Amino acid sequence: MLCVQQEDIQMYDMIIIGAGPAGISAAIYGKSRGKKILMLEKGQVGGLIGTVSTVTHYTAIMKEESGKTFAERMKEQVLSAGVEIRYENVTETKLIGKIKKVVTDQESYECKTVVLANGGSGRMLGIPGESLKGVRLNAPKDGPDYKGKNIYIIGGADGAVKEAIYLAGIAGKVTIVCVEDELVCIQEFKDKVAAHHNIEIMPHSSLTAVYGNEIVEELEFTDNKTGNKQIVKDGECGVFVYAGIVPNTQIYTELKLDNGYIPVDELMQTEIPGVFAAGDICVKKVRQVATAVADGAIAGIQAASMC
């Protein structure tokens, strides 16, 4: 509970929860307006974008930009701006009232405004064996371990297919397992898939179980149209899951959510005065780096104007 003594609590103009593109953008714009800002991040600067193989379509990215290099440059920029970053996990917030309170696993803080920018986490499939070694891998980190081997990509949207294209340059064969009848990614990625001889598409199918003793040994796929199940024995394969995200909004109990996402207005304000949200955590139709950065800029500027 929020029971820290008043004299122990540190005060800021703005606290930003999450150091992905939206949070970094908000911090830079807020700091430029002379505000005392604290950024809280439970993992690494960059958020989900920092874990992808490549960053595409964002204006003025470097050639062959990886998620890692993109995140490193974001971190350098925000630190150069003088923003304080603390790597702590936010466990509780009190957002209603003129002064906001944020509690982490290490400290408690107070501020005048808050920007919620802690995005989402990869959605679990909820199937048997999902926790076995060799499942839910990360393309740039784990991909090299599967050189010449079989790789299964679970998901047929942009993020999944982009990683499949990257992994096709490493693996012997890449199978994209998508629930739809065909890939639901952009045309650019469809064309690149077609150009790779070692990418195969398994349409209208789902991975429904993984079997093995500590590591993957067998995969069970189900045809979503016929219900037929297929068991594939492959003790050396890797399974990379891209089944969408779940917004990290569980701790924001004072906000009314829409399917787990935070509703905001055109100024990125939530229903609570002084509380803003930006990026993938918001109710929105387009979730891209570009839209996250735009959200963050608006939120940072508006939050600063209230301090």
Protein backbone atom coordinates (compact mmCIF):
# COMPACT_ATOMS: atom_id res chain seq x y z
CA MET A 1 0.00 0.00 0.00
CA LEU A 2 1.00 3.68 -0.35
CA CYS A 3 2.25 4.14 3.18
CA VAL A 4 5.69 5.76 2.71
CA GLN A 5 6.38 8.75 5.00
CA GLN A 6 5.89 12.10 3.25
CA GLU A 7 9.49 13.23 3.88
CA ASP A 8 10.83 10.13 2.09
CA ILE A 9 8.98 10.79 -1.15
CA GLN A 10 10.83 12.54 -3.99
CA MET A 11 8.93 15.17 -5.98
CA TYR A 12 9.03 15.70 -9.76
CA ASP A 13 7.16 17.81 -12.29
CA MET A 14 6.58 14.79 -14.51
CA ILE A 15 7.03 11.05 -14.15
CA ILE A 16 7.09 8.95 -17.29
CA ILE A 17 6.46 5.24 -16.92
CA GLY A 18 8.13 3.30 -19.73
CA ALA A 19 11.22 4.07 -21.83
CA GLY A 20 10.05 2.98 -25.28
CA PRO A 21 9.73 5.40 -28.21
CA ALA A 22 6.62 7.07 -26.71
CA GLY A 23 8.17 7.57 -23.30
CA ILE A 24 11.50 8.78 -24.66
CA SER A 25 9.72 11.28 -26.89
CA ALA A 26 7.63 12.59 -23.98
CA ALA A 27 10.73 12.93 -21.81
CA ILE A 28 12.71 14.87 -24.41
CA TYR A 29 9.88 17.33 -25.07
CA GLY A 30 9.11 17.74 -21.38
CA LYS A 31 12.75 18.27 -20.46
CA SER A 32 13.16 20.86 -23.22
CA ARG A 33 10.56 22.92 -21.39
CA GLY A 34 12.63 23.02 -18.23
CA LYS A 35 10.72 20.41 -16.25
CA LYS A 36 12.13 18.06 -13.63
CA ILE A 37 11.47 14.65 -15.09
CA LEU A 38 11.88 11.08 -13.89
CA MET A 39 11.64 8.14 -16.27
CA LEU A 40 10.93 4.73 -14.78
CA GLU A 41 11.72 1.60 -16.79
CA LYS A 42 11.53 -1.98 -15.52
CA GLY A 43 13.64 -3.46 -18.31
CA GLN A 44 15.72 -1.71 -20.95
CA VAL A 45 15.36 1.51 -22.88
CA GLY A 46 13.58 0.80 -26.13
CA GLY A 47 10.74 -1.41 -24.95
CA LEU A 48 9.50 -3.96 -27.49
CA ILE A 49 11.08 -2.15 -30.44
CA GLY A 50 14.48 -2.76 -28.88
CA THR A 51 13.98 -6.52 -29.22
CA VAL A 52 13.18 -6.70 -32.94
CA SER A 53 15.60 -7.68 -35.69
CA THR A 54 15.06 -4.60 -37.83
CA VAL A 55 13.28 -1.25 -37.64
CA THR A 56 11.47 -0.41 -40.86
CA HIS A 57 9.59 2.54 -42.39
CA TYR A 58 10.41 5.06 -39.65
CA THR A 59 11.54 8.35 -41.17
CA ALA A 60 15.34 8.85 -41.33
CA ILE A 61 16.33 5.55 -39.74
CA MET A 62 19.88 4.38 -40.37
CA LYS A 63 20.55 1.78 -43.03
CA GLU A 64 19.98 -1.74 -41.67
CA GLU A 65 18.71 -0.28 -38.39
CA SER A 66 18.21 -2.96 -35.76
CA GLY A 67 16.02 -2.71 -32.71
CA LYS A 68 19.18 -2.74 -30.59
CA THR A 69 20.88 0.15 -32.40
CA PHE A 70 17.63 2.14 -32.45
CA ALA A 71 17.22 1.68 -28.69
CA GLU A 72 20.85 2.61 -28.04
CA ARG A 73 20.47 5.88 -29.92
CA MET A 74 17.24 6.68 -28.09
CA LYS A 75 18.98 6.09 -24.76
CA GLU A 76 21.93 8.29 -25.74
CA GLN A 77 19.60 11.08 -26.81
CA VAL A 78 17.46 11.10 -23.68
CA LEU A 79 20.45 10.94 -21.35
CA SER A 80 22.16 13.74 -23.28
CA ALA A 81 19.02 15.81 -22.71
CA GLY A 82 19.54 15.39 -18.97
CA VAL A 83 16.60 13.09 -18.24
CA GLU A 84 16.94 10.93 -15.15
CA ILE A 85 16.23 7.23 -15.75
CA ARG A 86 15.74 4.74 -12.95
CA TYR A 87 15.40 1.04 -13.65
CA GLU A 88 12.61 0.09 -11.29
CA ASN A 89 9.35 -1.81 -11.60
CA VAL A 90 6.24 0.27 -10.91
CA THR A 91 3.98 -1.68 -8.56
CA GLU A 92 1.30 0.87 -7.68
CA THR A 93 0.02 4.28 -8.73
CA LYS A 94 -2.31 6.85 -7.22
CA LEU A 95 -3.36 9.10 -10.08
CA ILE A 96 -6.43 10.93 -8.74
CA GLY A 97 -5.64 14.24 -7.09
CA LYS A 98 -3.42 17.24 -7.76
CA ILE A 99 -0.30 15.36 -6.66
CA LYS A 100 0.24 11.92 -8.21
CA LYS A 101 2.05 9.08 -6.45
CA VAL A 102 4.08 6.31 -8.05
CA VAL A 103 5.44 3.39 -6.06
CA THR A 104 8.12 1.04 -7.40
CA ASP A 105 9.82 -2.04 -6.03
CA GLN A 106 12.52 0.29 -4.68
CA GLU A 107 11.13 3.77 -3.98
CA SER A 108 8.10 6.03 -3.90
CA TYR A 109 7.75 9.27 -5.86
CA GLU A 110 5.36 12.20 -6.26
CA CYS A 111 4.72 14.38 -9.28
CA LYS A 112 2.37 16.92 -10.79
CA THR A 113 1.78 15.01 -14.04
CA VAL A 114 2.23 11.44 -15.24
CA VAL A 115 2.73 9.99 -18.71
CA LEU A 116 1.81 6.31 -18.97
CA ALA A 117 3.94 4.87 -21.76
CA ASN A 118 4.78 1.36 -20.67
CA GLY A 119 3.30 -0.27 -23.77
CA GLY A 120 2.47 -3.93 -23.87
CA SER A 121 3.89 -7.40 -23.41
CA GLY A 122 3.85 -10.30 -25.83
CA ARG A 123 0.59 -12.21 -25.71
CA MET A 124 0.81 -15.76 -24.43
CA LEU A 125 -0.76 -18.54 -26.47
CA GLY A 126 -2.11 -20.31 -23.40
CA ILE A 127 -1.21 -23.76 -24.68
CA PRO A 128 0.48 -26.78 -23.06
CA GLY A 129 4.27 -26.69 -23.28
CA GLU A 130 4.56 -22.99 -23.99
CA SER A 131 7.20 -22.61 -21.27
CA LEU A 132 9.51 -25.30 -22.69
CA LYS A 133 12.99 -24.30 -23.80
CA GLY A 134 12.93 -23.44 -27.47
CA VAL A 135 9.56 -21.67 -27.39
CA ARG A 136 8.90 -17.90 -27.36
CA LEU A 137 12.35 -17.07 -28.67
CA ASN A 138 13.70 -13.67 -29.75
CA ALA A 139 14.82 -13.37 -33.36
CA PRO A 140 18.03 -11.29 -33.09
CA LYS A 141 19.09 -12.86 -29.80
CA ASP A 142 18.26 -16.53 -30.39
CA GLY A 143 18.15 -16.77 -34.17
CA PRO A 144 21.87 -17.59 -34.64
CA ASP A 145 21.41 -20.71 -32.48
CA TYR A 146 19.13 -22.16 -35.18
CA LYS A 147 21.41 -21.79 -38.17
CA GLY A 148 20.40 -24.35 -40.76
CA LYS A 149 17.57 -25.70 -38.59
CA ASN A 150 13.78 -25.46 -38.75
CA ILE A 151 12.06 -22.40 -37.34
CA TYR A 152 8.34 -21.86 -36.76
CA ILE A 153 6.90 -18.35 -36.65
CA ILE A 154 3.53 -18.13 -34.91
CA GLY A 155 1.63 -15.20 -36.37
CA GLY A 156 0.95 -13.75 -39.81
CA ALA A 157 0.88 -9.98 -39.21
CA ASP A 158 3.61 -7.43 -39.93
CA GLY A 159 5.76 -8.05 -36.87
CA ALA A 160 5.75 -11.81 -37.27
CA VAL A 161 6.47 -11.78 -40.99
CA LYS A 162 9.26 -9.23 -40.66
CA GLU A 163 11.03 -11.53 -38.20
CA ALA A 164 10.39 -14.52 -40.48
CA ILE A 165 12.16 -12.71 -43.32
CA TYR A 166 15.12 -11.97 -41.06
CA LEU A 167 15.31 -15.55 -39.79
CA ALA A 168 15.09 -16.96 -43.33
CA GLY A 169 18.68 -15.79 -43.78
CA ILE A 170 19.73 -18.01 -40.87
CA ALA A 171 17.46 -21.04 -40.74
CA GLY A 172 17.24 -23.99 -43.06
CA LYS A 173 13.48 -23.56 -43.28
CA VAL A 174 11.00 -21.07 -41.83
CA THR A 175 7.34 -22.00 -41.47
CA ILE A 176 4.89 -19.16 -40.82
CA VAL A 177 1.84 -20.47 -38.96
CA CYS A 178 -1.07 -18.04 -39.34
CA VAL A 179 -4.69 -18.38 -38.28
CA GLU A 180 -5.93 -16.59 -41.40
CA ASP A 181 -6.17 -18.05 -44.91
CA GLU A 182 -3.22 -15.90 -45.95
CA LEU A 183 -0.68 -13.51 -44.47
CA VAL A 184 -2.19 -10.28 -43.13
CA CYS A 185 0.98 -8.22 -43.42
CA ILE A 186 1.78 -5.34 -45.76
CA GLN A 187 2.48 -6.05 -49.44
CA GLU A 188 6.19 -5.28 -49.08
CA PHE A 189 6.61 -8.15 -46.65
CA LYS A 190 4.47 -10.50 -48.78
CA ASP A 191 6.76 -9.83 -51.73
CA LYS A 192 9.86 -10.53 -49.67
CA VAL A 193 8.38 -13.79 -48.37
CA ALA A 194 7.67 -14.88 -51.93
CA ALA A 195 11.31 -14.21 -52.82
CA HIS A 196 12.62 -16.61 -50.15
CA HIS A 197 12.67 -20.25 -51.22
CA ASN A 198 12.94 -21.46 -47.62
CA ILE A 199 9.80 -19.77 -46.23
CA GLU A 200 6.62 -21.83 -46.15
CA ILE A 201 3.18 -20.65 -45.06
CA MET A 202 0.85 -22.86 -43.00
CA PRO A 203 -2.53 -21.10 -43.43
CA HIS A 204 -5.66 -21.26 -41.22
CA SER A 205 -3.69 -23.13 -38.56
CA SER A 206 -2.70 -22.73 -34.93
CA LEU A 207 -0.01 -24.14 -32.69
CA THR A 208 -2.10 -25.87 -30.04
CA ALA A 209 0.46 -27.80 -27.96
CA VAL A 210 4.18 -28.31 -27.50
CA TYR A 211 5.55 -31.54 -26.08
CA GLY A 212 8.94 -32.42 -24.66
CA ASN A 213 11.03 -32.99 -21.57
CA GLU A 214 12.34 -29.51 -20.72
CA ILE A 215 13.00 -28.74 -24.40
CA VAL A 216 10.80 -28.85 -27.51
CA GLU A 217 10.45 -32.32 -29.04
CA GLU A 218 7.06 -32.28 -30.78
CA LEU A 219 4.69 -29.61 -32.04
CA GLU A 220 0.93 -30.01 -32.44
CA PHE A 221 -0.75 -27.92 -35.13
CA THR A 222 -4.51 -27.73 -35.63
CA ASP A 223 -6.23 -26.84 -38.88
CA ASN A 224 -8.77 -24.18 -37.88
CA LYS A 225 -11.14 -25.15 -40.69
CA THR A 226 -11.19 -28.93 -40.40
CA GLY A 227 -10.06 -29.43 -36.81
CA ASN A 228 -7.47 -31.94 -37.98
CA LYS A 229 -4.35 -32.14 -35.86
CA GLN A 230 -0.82 -32.68 -37.10
CA ILE A 231 2.13 -33.71 -34.92
CA VAL A 232 5.57 -32.61 -36.07
CA LYS A 233 8.59 -34.23 -34.42
CA ASP A 234 11.54 -31.85 -34.41
CA GLY A 235 13.77 -31.73 -31.35
CA GLU A 236 16.05 -29.07 -32.81
CA CYS A 237 13.48 -26.53 -33.98
CA GLY A 238 12.87 -23.06 -32.62
CA VAL A 239 9.46 -21.48 -32.04
CA PHE A 240 9.10 -17.71 -32.28
CA VAL A 241 5.72 -16.38 -31.11
CA TYR A 242 4.28 -13.09 -32.39
CA ALA A 243 0.64 -13.29 -31.35
CA GLY A 244 0.08 -9.62 -30.58
CA ILE A 245 0.48 -7.70 -27.33
CA VAL A 246 -1.36 -7.31 -24.06
CA PRO A 247 -1.35 -3.72 -22.72
CA ASN A 248 0.50 -3.25 -19.43
CA THR A 249 -2.37 -1.51 -17.67
CA GLN A 250 -3.04 -3.86 -14.76
CA ILE A 251 -1.77 -1.40 -12.12
CA TYR A 252 -3.88 1.54 -13.34
CA THR A 253 -6.96 0.64 -11.33
CA GLU A 254 -8.30 4.21 -11.24
CA LEU A 255 -8.66 4.42 -15.02
CA LYS A 256 -11.56 3.10 -17.06
CA LEU A 257 -10.09 0.86 -19.75
CA ASP A 258 -11.32 -0.22 -23.17
CA ASN A 259 -10.37 -3.87 -23.74
CA GLY A 260 -7.38 -3.24 -21.51
CA TYR A 261 -6.23 -0.13 -23.37
CA ILE A 262 -6.33 3.46 -22.10
CA PRO A 263 -8.72 5.90 -23.83
CA VAL A 264 -7.20 9.34 -24.50
CA ASP A 265 -8.26 12.51 -26.28
CA GLU A 266 -6.41 14.34 -29.06
CA LEU A 267 -4.01 15.79 -26.48
CA MET A 268 -3.22 12.31 -25.11
CA GLN A 269 -5.06 13.14 -21.87
CA THR A 270 -6.86 10.42 -19.98
CA GLU A 271 -10.07 10.94 -18.02
CA ILE A 272 -7.97 11.93 -14.97
CA PRO A 273 -6.58 15.50 -15.03
CA GLY A 274 -2.80 15.54 -15.19
CA VAL A 275 -2.56 11.95 -16.40
CA PHE A 276 -1.54 11.29 -19.99
CA ALA A 277 -0.90 8.12 -21.97
CA ALA A 278 1.13 7.53 -25.12
CA GLY A 279 2.04 4.74 -27.50
CA ASP A 280 0.84 1.15 -27.69
CA ILE A 281 -0.89 1.34 -24.31
CA CYS A 282 -3.57 3.66 -25.76
CA VAL A 283 -6.78 2.92 -27.60
CA LYS A 284 -5.73 3.50 -31.22
CA LYS A 285 -5.89 1.98 -34.69
CA VAL A 286 -2.25 2.29 -35.74
CA ARG A 287 0.56 1.03 -33.52
CA GLN A 288 3.90 1.94 -35.08
CA VAL A 289 7.09 3.61 -33.87
CA ALA A 290 6.07 6.75 -35.73
CA THR A 291 2.70 7.01 -33.99
CA ALA A 292 4.27 6.24 -30.60
CA VAL A 293 6.78 9.05 -31.01
CA ALA A 294 4.01 11.44 -32.06
CA ASP A 295 1.91 10.42 -29.07
CA GLY A 296 4.87 10.99 -26.77
CA ALA A 297 5.62 14.42 -28.17
CA ILE A 298 2.03 15.56 -27.64
CA ALA A 299 1.85 14.04 -24.15
CA GLY A 300 5.18 15.54 -23.10
CA ILE A 301 4.28 19.01 -24.31
CA GLN A 302 0.81 18.96 -22.76
CA ALA A 303 1.99 17.51 -19.47
CA ALA A 304 4.74 20.14 -19.23
CA SER A 305 2.19 22.90 -19.78
CA MET A 306 0.34 21.79 -16.63
CA CYS A 307 3.37 21.82 -14.33
